């Protein structure tokens, strides 16, 4: 009998690494929230961050680095493949250093990029207004994979929102790549007004409106509305129009909760001179030149005084010191007369005696 040769067991080879790609690390299983780890310690549940659900008006500039060939292609230098050849042949510099690795990343807004010694042309400034629906996040990076505002804008370049609307809010939001204008529109020192329509539970009394005008104390300071009025009174709710000149995190919802009224629906209808008008929910349109000029003009106003920005009342002027006094027989005191010619006492009839 012929003996069979043993079967050879082939070991799988690791996949070849492509350009700009790295081997994946094995996934690490993490214990579920609330369960105990191998060390016996309880694993805390994940906390919700402000980026997941915020109304603050701070422009997001983190995570702006992109692959260098994508940055070059977005600047109009050619196709992605042609830009890769520019990098491989050593014709691209980032902050004075020649880059030849295709996996390299750069930020065109903060780093100096040169091709053949010439600066990279700046991307054209674009401006879009969007009627944000609920369920869409304003942040550029969302680990949960929820729909983002920038996904609704038909533009291939880098964009960011001017301020934020939380997940449950809707209405006007500006999307652009103009960082300077975005900073001026959102910084409270320039006082660019944002107008909201807020439907709240119950009926607001005159005293509630006065509290909002006078200021509501929050953890980070006094929050005060510029203007507030009742727009419509329903059976079980009230529609308010609120104008703010600052952009704290979830400010409208928090100040109304402080006076005992829960916000049922919140919609931003204006940003400075820009109005939402009849733009349908979820629709987007580019801004006209006149609208961009009006936004820039609204952000060029003189910075607001510090006591207005912080909500604190101005300090009273110091009082002038009282004039010095001289003692009189009997223990009383009287103001000292100014130096000059001495005068005698008056006689009856008003004539002075010498």
C-alpha atoms as a PDB file:
ATOM      1  CA  UNK A   1       0.000   0.000   0.000  1.00  0.00           C
ATOM      2  CA  UNK A   2       1.171   3.391  -0.850  1.00  0.00           C
ATOM      3  CA  UNK A   3       1.311   5.832   2.021  1.00  0.00           C
ATOM      4  CA  UNK A   4      -0.530   9.107   1.478  1.00  0.00           C
ATOM      5  CA  UNK A   5       1.494  12.235   1.872  1.00  0.00           C
ATOM      6  CA  UNK A   6       0.265  14.578   4.616  1.00  0.00           C
ATOM      7  CA  UNK A   7      -1.795  17.617   3.547  1.00  0.00           C
ATOM      8  CA  UNK A   8      -0.049  20.925   3.658  1.00  0.00           C
ATOM      9  CA  UNK A   9      -1.826  23.545   5.679  1.00  0.00           C
ATOM     10  CA  UNK A  10      -1.413  26.930   4.084  1.00  0.00           C
ATOM     11  CA  UNK A  11      -1.264  29.917   6.417  1.00  0.00           C
ATOM     12  CA  UNK A  12      -3.038  33.028   5.154  1.00  0.00           C
ATOM     13  CA  UNK A  13      -0.794  35.883   4.145  1.00  0.00           C
ATOM     14  CA  UNK A  14      -1.462  39.385   5.405  1.00  0.00           C
ATOM     15  CA  UNK A  15      -3.192  41.611   2.902  1.00  0.00           C
ATOM     16  CA  UNK A  16      -0.901  43.875   0.928  1.00  0.00           C
ATOM     17  CA  UNK A  17      -0.796  47.422   2.154  1.00  0.00           C
ATOM     18  CA  UNK A  18      -1.888  49.977  -0.368  1.00  0.00           C
ATOM     19  CA  UNK A  19      -0.645  53.491  -0.545  1.00  0.00           C
ATOM     20  CA  UNK A  20      -1.790  55.584   2.376  1.00  0.00           C
ATOM     21  CA  UNK A  21      -3.409  52.602   4.174  1.00  0.00           C
ATOM     22  CA  UNK A  22      -2.310  50.816   7.345  1.00  0.00           C
ATOM     23  CA  UNK A  23      -3.052  47.341   8.658  1.00  0.00           C
ATOM     24  CA  UNK A  24      -6.078  47.266  10.892  1.00  0.00           C
ATOM     25  CA  UNK A  25      -5.538  46.553  14.557  1.00  0.00           C
ATOM     26  CA  UNK A  26      -7.587  43.781  16.139  1.00  0.00           C
ATOM     27  CA  UNK A  27     -10.790  45.059  17.660  1.00  0.00           C
ATOM     28  CA  UNK A  28     -10.833  45.241  21.440  1.00  0.00           C
ATOM     29  CA  UNK A  29     -14.058  44.190  23.107  1.00  0.00           C
ATOM     30  CA  UNK A  30     -15.155  46.622  25.754  1.00  0.00           C
ATOM     31  CA  UNK A  31     -17.574  45.726  28.529  1.00  0.00           C
ATOM     32  CA  UNK A  32     -21.033  47.222  28.285  1.00  0.00           C
ATOM     33  CA  UNK A  33     -21.893  50.291  30.302  1.00  0.00           C
ATOM     34  CA  UNK A  34     -22.958  49.445  33.822  1.00  0.00           C
ATOM     35  CA  UNK A  35     -21.263  46.013  33.782  1.00  0.00           C
ATOM     36  CA  UNK A  36     -18.113  45.048  35.717  1.00  0.00           C
ATOM     37  CA  UNK A  37     -14.729  44.689  34.051  1.00  0.00           C
ATOM     38  CA  UNK A  38     -12.184  41.926  34.722  1.00  0.00           C
ATOM     39  CA  UNK A  39     -10.686  44.043  37.502  1.00  0.00           C
ATOM     40  CA  UNK A  40     -14.081  44.235  39.200  1.00  0.00           C
ATOM     41  CA  UNK A  41     -14.570  47.945  38.509  1.00  0.00           C
ATOM     42  CA  UNK A  42     -17.883  49.221  37.241  1.00  0.00           C
ATOM     43  CA  UNK A  43     -17.749  50.711  33.753  1.00  0.00           C
ATOM     44  CA  UNK A  44     -19.500  54.117  33.662  1.00  0.00           C
ATOM     45  CA  UNK A  45     -22.060  54.848  30.975  1.00  0.00           C
ATOM     46  CA  UNK A  46     -21.053  57.171  28.158  1.00  0.00           C
ATOM     47  CA  UNK A  47     -21.940  60.756  28.836  1.00  0.00           C
ATOM     48  CA  UNK A  48     -23.510  63.019  26.257  1.00  0.00           C
ATOM     49  CA  UNK A  49     -21.206  65.809  25.132  1.00  0.00           C
ATOM     50  CA  UNK A  50     -22.093  69.354  24.164  1.00  0.00           C
ATOM     51  CA  UNK A  51     -21.124  68.589  20.584  1.00  0.00           C
ATOM     52  CA  UNK A  52     -23.928  66.031  20.355  1.00  0.00           C
ATOM     53  CA  UNK A  53     -26.686  68.414  21.357  1.00  0.00           C
ATOM     54  CA  UNK A  54     -25.813  72.088  21.605  1.00  0.00           C
ATOM     55  CA  UNK A  55     -27.087  75.520  20.710  1.00  0.00           C
ATOM     56  CA  UNK A  56     -23.890  77.421  21.299  1.00  0.00           C
ATOM     57  CA  UNK A  57     -22.685  79.818  18.627  1.00  0.00           C
ATOM     58  CA  UNK A  58     -19.078  78.804  18.543  1.00  0.00           C
ATOM     59  CA  UNK A  59     -17.702  77.964  15.135  1.00  0.00           C
ATOM     60  CA  UNK A  60     -16.076  74.566  14.914  1.00  0.00           C
ATOM     61  CA  UNK A  61     -12.505  74.491  13.590  1.00  0.00           C
ATOM     62  CA  UNK A  62     -11.295  71.128  14.837  1.00  0.00           C
ATOM     63  CA  UNK A  63     -10.663  68.140  12.596  1.00  0.00           C
ATOM     64  CA  UNK A  64      -9.966  70.343   9.547  1.00  0.00           C
ATOM     65  CA  UNK A  65      -6.992  68.341   8.290  1.00  0.00           C
ATOM     66  CA  UNK A  66      -7.535  66.451   5.040  1.00  0.00           C
ATOM     67  CA  UNK A  67      -5.374  64.323   2.791  1.00  0.00           C
ATOM     68  CA  UNK A  68      -2.953  66.541   0.962  1.00  0.00           C
ATOM     69  CA  UNK A  69      -3.956  65.338  -2.510  1.00  0.00           C
ATOM     70  CA  UNK A  70      -7.595  66.142  -1.700  1.00  0.00           C
ATOM     71  CA  UNK A  71      -6.626  69.655  -0.599  1.00  0.00           C
ATOM     72  CA  UNK A  72      -4.706  70.238  -3.832  1.00  0.00           C
ATOM     73  CA  UNK A  73      -7.557  68.925  -5.966  1.00  0.00           C
ATOM     74  CA  UNK A  74     -10.082  71.115  -4.131  1.00  0.00           C
ATOM     75  CA  UNK A  75      -7.875  74.139  -4.917  1.00  0.00           C
ATOM     76  CA  UNK A  76      -8.273  73.417  -8.638  1.00  0.00           C
ATOM     77  CA  UNK A  77      -4.769  72.127  -9.424  1.00  0.00           C
ATOM     78  CA  UNK A  78      -6.075  69.076 -11.266  1.00  0.00           C
ATOM     79  CA  UNK A  79      -7.428  65.600 -10.717  1.00  0.00           C
ATOM     80  CA  UNK A  80      -6.730  63.604  -7.559  1.00  0.00           C
ATOM     81  CA  UNK A  81      -4.283  61.365  -9.442  1.00  0.00           C
ATOM     82  CA  UNK A  82      -2.376  64.356 -10.844  1.00  0.00           C
ATOM     83  CA  UNK A  83      -2.111  65.850  -7.364  1.00  0.00           C
ATOM     84  CA  UNK A  84      -0.702  62.558  -6.084  1.00  0.00           C
ATOM     85  CA  UNK A  85       2.042  62.801  -8.731  1.00  0.00           C
ATOM     86  CA  UNK A  86       2.830  66.340  -7.551  1.00  0.00           C
ATOM     87  CA  UNK A  87       3.371  65.016  -4.045  1.00  0.00           C
ATOM     88  CA  UNK A  88       5.410  61.968  -5.078  1.00  0.00           C
ATOM     89  CA  UNK A  89       7.789  64.061  -7.178  1.00  0.00           C
ATOM     90  CA  UNK A  90       8.535  66.409  -4.260  1.00  0.00           C
ATOM     91  CA  UNK A  91       6.877  69.515  -5.699  1.00  0.00           C
ATOM     92  CA  UNK A  92       4.672  70.200  -2.665  1.00  0.00           C
ATOM     93  CA  UNK A  93       5.743  71.932   0.566  1.00  0.00           C
ATOM     94  CA  UNK A  94       3.805  72.248   3.829  1.00  0.00           C
ATOM     95  CA  UNK A  95       5.125  74.890   6.239  1.00  0.00           C
ATOM     96  CA  UNK A  96       8.459  74.892   4.428  1.00  0.00           C
ATOM     97  CA  UNK A  97       8.914  71.100   4.501  1.00  0.00           C
ATOM     98  CA  UNK A  98       8.791  69.000   1.298  1.00  0.00           C
ATOM     99  CA  UNK A  99       6.139  66.276   1.562  1.00  0.00           C
ATOM    100  CA  UNK A 100       6.334  63.096  -0.538  1.00  0.00           C
ATOM    101  CA  UNK A 101       4.119  60.682   1.445  1.00  0.00           C
ATOM    102  CA  UNK A 102       0.628  60.273   0.025  1.00  0.00           C
ATOM    103  CA  UNK A 103      -0.898  59.617   3.442  1.00  0.00           C
ATOM    104  CA  UNK A 104       0.090  63.067   4.722  1.00  0.00           C
ATOM    105  CA  UNK A 105      -2.618  65.475   5.893  1.00  0.00           C
ATOM    106  CA  UNK A 106      -2.739  69.260   6.004  1.00  0.00           C
ATOM    107  CA  UNK A 107      -5.074  72.111   6.909  1.00  0.00           C
ATOM    108  CA  UNK A 108      -5.229  74.734   4.132  1.00  0.00           C
ATOM    109  CA  UNK A 109      -6.623  77.328   6.565  1.00  0.00           C
ATOM    110  CA  UNK A 110      -3.816  77.195   9.128  1.00  0.00           C
ATOM    111  CA  UNK A 111      -0.799  75.805   7.216  1.00  0.00           C
ATOM    112  CA  UNK A 112       1.213  77.275   4.366  1.00  0.00           C
ATOM    113  CA  UNK A 113       1.053  75.010   1.330  1.00  0.00           C
ATOM    114  CA  UNK A 114       3.191  75.686  -1.748  1.00  0.00           C
ATOM    115  CA  UNK A 115       3.379  73.932  -5.104  1.00  0.00           C
ATOM    116  CA  UNK A 116       6.537  74.556  -7.144  1.00  0.00           C
ATOM    117  CA  UNK A 117       7.299  77.427  -4.772  1.00  0.00           C
ATOM    118  CA  UNK A 118       3.966  79.210  -5.348  1.00  0.00           C
ATOM    119  CA  UNK A 119       1.343  79.518  -2.585  1.00  0.00           C
ATOM    120  CA  UNK A 120      -1.741  77.375  -2.912  1.00  0.00           C
ATOM    121  CA  UNK A 121      -4.624  79.505  -4.222  1.00  0.00           C
ATOM    122  CA  UNK A 122      -7.230  80.177  -1.555  1.00  0.00           C
ATOM    123  CA  UNK A 123     -10.604  78.495  -2.160  1.00  0.00           C
ATOM    124  CA  UNK A 124     -13.438  80.752  -3.252  1.00  0.00           C
ATOM    125  CA  UNK A 125     -15.682  81.865  -0.410  1.00  0.00           C
ATOM    126  CA  UNK A 126     -19.144  80.311  -0.523  1.00  0.00           C
ATOM    127  CA  UNK A 127     -22.238  81.054   1.568  1.00  0.00           C
ATOM    128  CA  UNK A 128     -25.385  78.949   1.930  1.00  0.00           C
ATOM    129  CA  UNK A 129     -28.491  79.339   4.059  1.00  0.00           C
ATOM    130  CA  UNK A 130     -30.286  76.172   5.137  1.00  0.00           C
ATOM    131  CA  UNK A 131     -33.629  75.553   6.826  1.00  0.00           C
ATOM    132  CA  UNK A 132     -32.420  72.856   9.205  1.00  0.00           C
ATOM    133  CA  UNK A 133     -34.936  70.143  10.118  1.00  0.00           C
ATOM    134  CA  UNK A 134     -34.978  68.361  13.468  1.00  0.00           C
ATOM    135  CA  UNK A 135     -32.878  65.221  13.757  1.00  0.00           C
ATOM    136  CA  UNK A 136     -29.893  66.785  11.941  1.00  0.00           C
ATOM    137  CA  UNK A 137     -26.723  67.706  13.863  1.00  0.00           C
ATOM    138  CA  UNK A 138     -24.789  70.918  13.286  1.00  0.00           C
ATOM    139  CA  UNK A 139     -21.372  69.482  14.114  1.00  0.00           C
ATOM    140  CA  UNK A 140     -19.009  68.424  11.323  1.00  0.00           C
ATOM    141  CA  UNK A 141     -17.959  65.232  13.101  1.00  0.00           C
ATOM    142  CA  UNK A 142     -20.520  62.892  14.635  1.00  0.00           C
ATOM    143  CA  UNK A 143     -19.357  59.480  15.932  1.00  0.00           C
ATOM    144  CA  UNK A 144     -22.962  58.228  15.931  1.00  0.00           C
ATOM    145  CA  UNK A 145     -23.250  58.695  12.173  1.00  0.00           C
ATOM    146  CA  UNK A 146     -26.338  60.910  12.326  1.00  0.00           C
ATOM    147  CA  UNK A 147     -27.160  63.171   9.345  1.00  0.00           C
ATOM    148  CA  UNK A 148     -25.209  66.429   9.380  1.00  0.00           C
ATOM    149  CA  UNK A 149     -26.054  69.909   8.158  1.00  0.00           C
ATOM    150  CA  UNK A 150     -23.082  69.960   5.763  1.00  0.00           C
ATOM    151  CA  UNK A 151     -24.386  66.759   4.139  1.00  0.00           C
ATOM    152  CA  UNK A 152     -27.429  68.703   2.912  1.00  0.00           C
ATOM    153  CA  UNK A 153     -25.350  71.339   1.106  1.00  0.00           C
ATOM    154  CA  UNK A 154     -24.402  70.613  -2.537  1.00  0.00           C
ATOM    155  CA  UNK A 155     -20.735  71.589  -2.259  1.00  0.00           C
ATOM    156  CA  UNK A 156     -17.671  69.343  -2.422  1.00  0.00           C
ATOM    157  CA  UNK A 157     -15.232  71.543  -0.494  1.00  0.00           C
ATOM    158  CA  UNK A 158     -14.803  72.005   3.234  1.00  0.00           C
ATOM    159  CA  UNK A 159     -17.682  73.788   4.998  1.00  0.00           C
ATOM    160  CA  UNK A 160     -18.773  74.520   8.552  1.00  0.00           C
ATOM    161  CA  UNK A 161     -21.857  75.971  10.199  1.00  0.00           C
ATOM    162  CA  UNK A 162     -21.999  79.462  11.697  1.00  0.00           C
ATOM    163  CA  UNK A 163     -23.139  78.660  15.209  1.00  0.00           C
ATOM    164  CA  UNK A 164     -25.213  75.621  16.038  1.00  0.00           C
ATOM    165  CA  UNK A 165     -28.778  74.466  16.505  1.00  0.00           C
ATOM    166  CA  UNK A 166     -29.352  71.456  18.728  1.00  0.00           C
ATOM    167  CA  UNK A 167     -30.795  68.186  17.490  1.00  0.00           C
ATOM    168  CA  UNK A 168     -34.379  69.109  18.430  1.00  0.00           C
ATOM    169  CA  UNK A 169     -34.272  72.647  16.987  1.00  0.00           C
ATOM    170  CA  UNK A 170     -34.921  73.778  13.430  1.00  0.00           C
ATOM    171  CA  UNK A 171     -34.642  76.838  11.270  1.00  0.00           C
ATOM    172  CA  UNK A 172     -32.050  79.142   9.740  1.00  0.00           C
ATOM    173  CA  UNK A 173     -28.408  78.123   9.834  1.00  0.00           C
ATOM    174  CA  UNK A 174     -25.614  79.650   7.765  1.00  0.00           C
ATOM    175  CA  UNK A 175     -23.031  77.334   6.145  1.00  0.00           C
ATOM    176  CA  UNK A 176     -19.795  78.748   4.737  1.00  0.00           C
ATOM    177  CA  UNK A 177     -16.015  78.404   4.481  1.00  0.00           C
ATOM    178  CA  UNK A 178     -15.386  82.026   5.499  1.00  0.00           C
ATOM    179  CA  UNK A 179     -13.888  81.685   8.965  1.00  0.00           C
ATOM    180  CA  UNK A 180     -13.421  85.419   9.580  1.00  0.00           C
ATOM    181  CA  UNK A 181     -17.067  86.266   8.907  1.00  0.00           C
ATOM    182  CA  UNK A 182     -18.220  83.255  10.938  1.00  0.00           C
ATOM    183  CA  UNK A 183     -16.202  84.416  13.929  1.00  0.00           C
ATOM    184  CA  UNK A 184     -17.646  87.939  13.786  1.00  0.00           C
ATOM    185  CA  UNK A 185     -21.228  86.702  13.413  1.00  0.00           C
ATOM    186  CA  UNK A 186     -20.977  84.407  16.433  1.00  0.00           C
ATOM    187  CA  UNK A 187     -18.752  86.378  18.829  1.00  0.00           C
ATOM    188  CA  UNK A 188     -20.907  88.139  21.460  1.00  0.00           C
ATOM    189  CA  UNK A 189     -18.739  91.280  21.412  1.00  0.00           C
ATOM    190  CA  UNK A 190     -20.194  92.271  18.013  1.00  0.00           C
ATOM    191  CA  UNK A 191     -23.794  91.781  19.168  1.00  0.00           C
ATOM    192  CA  UNK A 192     -25.206  90.295  15.944  1.00  0.00           C
ATOM    193  CA  UNK A 193     -28.814  89.467  16.797  1.00  0.00           C
ATOM    194  CA  UNK A 194     -30.412  86.045  16.386  1.00  0.00           C
ATOM    195  CA  UNK A 195     -34.204  85.794  16.308  1.00  0.00           C
ATOM    196  CA  UNK A 196     -36.080  82.699  17.495  1.00  0.00           C
ATOM    197  CA  UNK A 197     -39.690  81.557  17.603  1.00  0.00           C
ATOM    198  CA  UNK A 198     -40.209  79.432  20.703  1.00  0.00           C
ATOM    199  CA  UNK A 199     -43.452  77.655  21.529  1.00  0.00           C
ATOM    200  CA  UNK A 200     -43.595  77.011  25.269  1.00  0.00           C
ATOM    201  CA  UNK A 201     -46.020  75.151  27.485  1.00  0.00           C
ATOM    202  CA  UNK A 202     -48.547  77.220  29.397  1.00  0.00           C
ATOM    203  CA  UNK A 203     -49.285  80.928  29.466  1.00  0.00           C
ATOM    204  CA  UNK A 204     -46.660  83.583  30.169  1.00  0.00           C
ATOM    205  CA  UNK A 205     -47.620  86.457  32.433  1.00  0.00           C
ATOM    206  CA  UNK A 206     -46.276  90.000  32.188  1.00  0.00           C
ATOM    207  CA  UNK A 207     -43.951  89.277  35.092  1.00  0.00           C
ATOM    208  CA  UNK A 208     -42.371  86.360  33.198  1.00  0.00           C
ATOM    209  CA  UNK A 209     -41.489  88.622  30.288  1.00  0.00           C
ATOM    210  CA  UNK A 210     -39.989  91.175  32.677  1.00  0.00           C
ATOM    211  CA  UNK A 211     -37.800  88.468  34.208  1.00  0.00           C
ATOM    212  CA  UNK A 212     -36.452  87.576  30.768  1.00  0.00           C
ATOM    213  CA  UNK A 213     -35.725  91.235  30.007  1.00  0.00           C
ATOM    214  CA  UNK A 214     -34.082  91.774  33.378  1.00  0.00           C
ATOM    215  CA  UNK A 215     -31.816  88.741  33.054  1.00  0.00           C
ATOM    216  CA  UNK A 216     -31.749  85.087  34.102  1.00  0.00           C
ATOM    217  CA  UNK A 217     -28.859  83.728  36.131  1.00  0.00           C
ATOM    218  CA  UNK A 218     -27.171  80.715  34.511  1.00  0.00           C
ATOM    219  CA  UNK A 219     -24.082  78.803  35.590  1.00  0.00           C
ATOM    220  CA  UNK A 220     -21.820  80.898  33.336  1.00  0.00           C
ATOM    221  CA  UNK A 221     -23.354  84.275  34.162  1.00  0.00           C
ATOM    222  CA  UNK A 222     -26.372  86.494  33.609  1.00  0.00           C
ATOM    223  CA  UNK A 223     -28.267  85.797  30.371  1.00  0.00           C
ATOM    224  CA  UNK A 224     -30.473  88.600  29.092  1.00  0.00           C
ATOM    225  CA  UNK A 225     -32.658  88.767  26.007  1.00  0.00           C
ATOM    226  CA  UNK A 226     -32.546  91.835  23.772  1.00  0.00           C
ATOM    227  CA  UNK A 227     -36.275  91.719  23.061  1.00  0.00           C
ATOM    228  CA  UNK A 228     -39.146  89.342  23.764  1.00  0.00           C
ATOM    229  CA  UNK A 229     -42.841  89.472  22.904  1.00  0.00           C
ATOM    230  CA  UNK A 230     -45.840  87.163  22.754  1.00  0.00           C
ATOM    231  CA  UNK A 231     -46.492  86.401  19.122  1.00  0.00           C
ATOM    232  CA  UNK A 232     -49.539  84.152  19.564  1.00  0.00           C
ATOM    233  CA  UNK A 233     -51.484  82.689  22.464  1.00  0.00           C
ATOM    234  CA  UNK A 234     -52.818  79.149  22.016  1.00  0.00           C
ATOM    235  CA  UNK A 235     -55.076  77.183  24.344  1.00  0.00           C
ATOM    236  CA  UNK A 236     -52.299  75.318  26.166  1.00  0.00           C
ATOM    237  CA  UNK A 237     -49.128  77.004  24.887  1.00  0.00           C
ATOM    238  CA  UNK A 238     -47.598  80.361  23.949  1.00  0.00           C
ATOM    239  CA  UNK A 239     -45.576  81.337  20.889  1.00  0.00           C
ATOM    240  CA  UNK A 240     -42.781  83.775  21.742  1.00  0.00           C
ATOM    241  CA  UNK A 241     -40.422  85.803  19.584  1.00  0.00           C
ATOM    242  CA  UNK A 242     -37.052  86.092  21.329  1.00  0.00           C
ATOM    243  CA  UNK A 243     -34.047  88.105  20.141  1.00  0.00           C
ATOM    244  CA  UNK A 244     -30.581  87.312  21.516  1.00  0.00           C
ATOM    245  CA  UNK A 245     -27.246  89.011  20.924  1.00  0.00           C
ATOM    246  CA  UNK A 246     -25.164  86.170  22.355  1.00  0.00           C
ATOM    247  CA  UNK A 247     -24.977  82.446  21.808  1.00  0.00           C
ATOM    248  CA  UNK A 248     -24.637  80.363  24.955  1.00  0.00           C
ATOM    249  CA  UNK A 249     -25.177  76.615  24.925  1.00  0.00           C
ATOM    250  CA  UNK A 250     -28.957  75.890  24.685  1.00  0.00           C
ATOM    251  CA  UNK A 251     -29.620  79.392  25.997  1.00  0.00           C
ATOM    252  CA  UNK A 252     -33.255  79.771  24.908  1.00  0.00           C
ATOM    253  CA  UNK A 253     -34.314  76.457  26.421  1.00  0.00           C
ATOM    254  CA  UNK A 254     -32.432  77.098  29.666  1.00  0.00           C
ATOM    255  CA  UNK A 255     -33.713  80.603  30.395  1.00  0.00           C
ATOM    256  CA  UNK A 256     -37.306  79.585  29.704  1.00  0.00           C
ATOM    257  CA  UNK A 257     -36.927  76.530  31.932  1.00  0.00           C
ATOM    258  CA  UNK A 258     -35.739  78.839  34.734  1.00  0.00           C
ATOM    259  CA  UNK A 259     -39.084  80.665  34.694  1.00  0.00           C
ATOM    260  CA  UNK A 260     -41.015  77.392  34.621  1.00  0.00           C
ATOM    261  CA  UNK A 261     -41.894  76.981  30.932  1.00  0.00           C
ATOM    262  CA  UNK A 262     -40.722  74.030  28.858  1.00  0.00           C
ATOM    263  CA  UNK A 263     -39.891  74.671  25.198  1.00  0.00           C
ATOM    264  CA  UNK A 264     -42.061  72.530  22.927  1.00  0.00           C
ATOM    265  CA  UNK A 265     -40.659  73.788  19.627  1.00  0.00           C
ATOM    266  CA  UNK A 266     -37.736  76.065  18.802  1.00  0.00           C
ATOM    267  CA  UNK A 267     -37.034  77.637  15.429  1.00  0.00           C
ATOM    268  CA  UNK A 268     -34.446  80.251  14.408  1.00  0.00           C
ATOM    269  CA  UNK A 269     -35.932  82.639  11.869  1.00  0.00           C
ATOM    270  CA  UNK A 270     -33.215  85.290  11.438  1.00  0.00           C
ATOM    271  CA  UNK A 271     -29.475  85.886  11.783  1.00  0.00           C
ATOM    272  CA  UNK A 272     -28.757  89.614  11.706  1.00  0.00           C
ATOM    273  CA  UNK A 273     -30.279  90.954   8.459  1.00  0.00           C
ATOM    274  CA  UNK A 274     -30.651  87.441   6.989  1.00  0.00           C
ATOM    275  CA  UNK A 275     -34.212  86.067   7.134  1.00  0.00           C
ATOM    276  CA  UNK A 276     -35.479  82.511   6.684  1.00  0.00           C
ATOM    277  CA  UNK A 277     -38.574  83.770   4.818  1.00  0.00           C
ATOM    278  CA  UNK A 278     -40.333  81.056   2.800  1.00  0.00           C
ATOM    279  CA  UNK A 279     -37.409  78.629   2.447  1.00  0.00           C
ATOM    280  CA  UNK A 280     -38.904  75.104   2.783  1.00  0.00           C
ATOM    281  CA  UNK A 281     -37.822  72.788   5.576  1.00  0.00           C
ATOM    282  CA  UNK A 282     -34.623  70.960   4.595  1.00  0.00           C
ATOM    283  CA  UNK A 283     -34.005  73.214   1.574  1.00  0.00           C
ATOM    284  CA  UNK A 284     -30.779  75.132   0.940  1.00  0.00           C
ATOM    285  CA  UNK A 285     -29.871  78.061  -1.305  1.00  0.00           C
ATOM    286  CA  UNK A 286     -26.753  80.177  -1.942  1.00  0.00           C
ATOM    287  CA  UNK A 287     -26.703  83.727  -0.626  1.00  0.00           C
ATOM    288  CA  UNK A 288     -26.906  86.672  -2.997  1.00  0.00           C
ATOM    289  CA  UNK A 289     -24.103  89.239  -2.990  1.00  0.00           C
ATOM    290  CA  UNK A 290     -26.324  91.827  -1.339  1.00  0.00           C
ATOM    291  CA  UNK A 291     -27.068  89.400   1.508  1.00  0.00           C
ATOM    292  CA  UNK A 292     -23.360  88.688   2.066  1.00  0.00           C
ATOM    293  CA  UNK A 293     -22.601  92.432   2.115  1.00  0.00           C
ATOM    294  CA  UNK A 294     -25.399  93.006   4.633  1.00  0.00           C
ATOM    295  CA  UNK A 295     -24.048  90.263   6.913  1.00  0.00           C
ATOM    296  CA  UNK A 296     -20.548  91.736   6.787  1.00  0.00           C
ATOM    297  CA  UNK A 297     -21.901  95.195   7.558  1.00  0.00           C
ATOM    298  CA  UNK A 298     -23.838  93.889  10.581  1.00  0.00           C
ATOM    299  CA  UNK A 299     -20.634  92.335  11.956  1.00  0.00           C
ATOM    300  CA  UNK A 300     -18.560  95.519  11.509  1.00  0.00           C
ATOM    301  CA  UNK A 301     -20.329  97.456  14.248  1.00  0.00           C
ATOM    302  CA  UNK A 302     -18.317  98.643  17.219  1.00  0.00           C
ATOM    303  CA  UNK A 303     -17.880  96.029  19.955  1.00  0.00           C
ATOM    304  CA  UNK A 304     -20.486  96.243  22.695  1.00  0.00           C
ATOM    305  CA  UNK A 305     -19.544  97.626  26.130  1.00  0.00           C
ATOM    306  CA  UNK A 306     -18.407  95.025  28.627  1.00  0.00           C
ATOM    307  CA  UNK A 307     -21.317  95.519  31.041  1.00  0.00           C
ATOM    308  CA  UNK A 308     -23.779  94.894  28.190  1.00  0.00           C
ATOM    309  CA  UNK A 309     -21.975  91.767  27.031  1.00  0.00           C
ATOM    310  CA  UNK A 310     -21.859  90.238  30.504  1.00  0.00           C
ATOM    311  CA  UNK A 311     -25.363  91.325  31.493  1.00  0.00           C
ATOM    312  CA  UNK A 312     -24.120  93.224  34.546  1.00  0.00           C
ATOM    313  CA  UNK A 313     -25.248  96.755  35.326  1.00  0.00           C
ATOM    314  CA  UNK A 314     -22.732  99.589  34.823  1.00  0.00           C
ATOM    315  CA  UNK A 315     -20.834 100.715  37.920  1.00  0.00           C
ATOM    316  CA  UNK A 316     -22.118 103.983  39.474  1.00  0.00           C
ATOM    317  CA  UNK A 317     -19.896 107.047  39.216  1.00  0.00           C
ATOM    318  CA  UNK A 318     -17.971 107.856  42.410  1.00  0.00           C
ATOM    319  CA  UNK A 319     -19.416 110.745  44.428  1.00  0.00           C
ATOM    320  CA  UNK A 320     -17.380 113.907  44.921  1.00  0.00           C
ATOM    321  CA  UNK A 321     -15.955 114.326  48.448  1.00  0.00           C
ATOM    322  CA  UNK A 322     -17.778 116.755  50.741  1.00  0.00           C
ATOM    323  CA  UNK A 323     -16.113 120.160  51.303  1.00  0.00           C
ATOM    324  CA  UNK A 324     -14.018 120.549  54.493  1.00  0.00           C
ATOM    325  CA  UNK A 325     -15.849 121.891  57.557  1.00  0.00           C
ATOM    326  CA  UNK A 326     -14.876 124.290  60.379  1.00  0.00           C
ATOM    327  CA  UNK A 327     -15.959 124.087  64.004  1.00  0.00           C
ATOM    328  CA  UNK A 328     -18.457 126.569  65.447  1.00  0.00           C
ATOM    329  CA  UNK A 329     -19.133 127.326  69.101  1.00  0.00           C
ATOM    330  CA  UNK A 330     -21.759 124.928  70.321  1.00  0.00           C
ATOM    331  CA  UNK A 331     -20.336 121.840  68.611  1.00  0.00           C
ATOM    332  CA  UNK A 332     -21.973 122.332  65.211  1.00  0.00           C
ATOM    333  CA  UNK A 333     -20.054 122.467  61.962  1.00  0.00           C
ATOM    334  CA  UNK A 334     -20.428 124.516  58.808  1.00  0.00           C
ATOM    335  CA  UNK A 335     -18.747 124.399  55.403  1.00  0.00           C
ATOM    336  CA  UNK A 336     -15.567 126.427  55.195  1.00  0.00           C
ATOM    337  CA  UNK A 337     -15.865 129.513  52.974  1.00  0.00           C
ATOM    338  CA  UNK A 338     -13.584 129.997  50.009  1.00  0.00           C
ATOM    339  CA  UNK A 339     -10.486 132.112  50.615  1.00  0.00           C
ATOM    340  CA  UNK A 340     -10.988 135.756  49.651  1.00  0.00           C
ATOM    341  CA  UNK A 341     -11.957 139.151  51.051  1.00  0.00           C
ATOM    342  CA  UNK A 342     -13.467 138.927  54.500  1.00  0.00           C
ATOM    343  CA  UNK A 343     -16.958 140.297  54.810  1.00  0.00           C
ATOM    344  CA  UNK A 344     -18.692 141.625  57.890  1.00  0.00           C
ATOM    345  CA  UNK A 345     -22.095 140.545  59.176  1.00  0.00           C
ATOM    346  CA  UNK A 346     -25.231 141.908  57.626  1.00  0.00           C
ATOM    347  CA  UNK A 347     -27.221 144.503  59.539  1.00  0.00           C
ATOM    348  CA  UNK A 348     -30.962 144.923  59.466  1.00  0.00           C
ATOM    349  CA  UNK A 349     -32.176 145.967  56.046  1.00  0.00           C
ATOM    350  CA  UNK A 350     -29.492 144.018  54.240  1.00  0.00           C
ATOM    351  CA  UNK A 351     -26.617 146.533  54.574  1.00  0.00           C
ATOM    352  CA  UNK A 352     -23.257 145.237  55.651  1.00  0.00           C
ATOM    353  CA  UNK A 353     -21.562 146.619  58.719  1.00  0.00           C
ATOM    354  CA  UNK A 354     -17.912 147.552  58.622  1.00  0.00           C
END
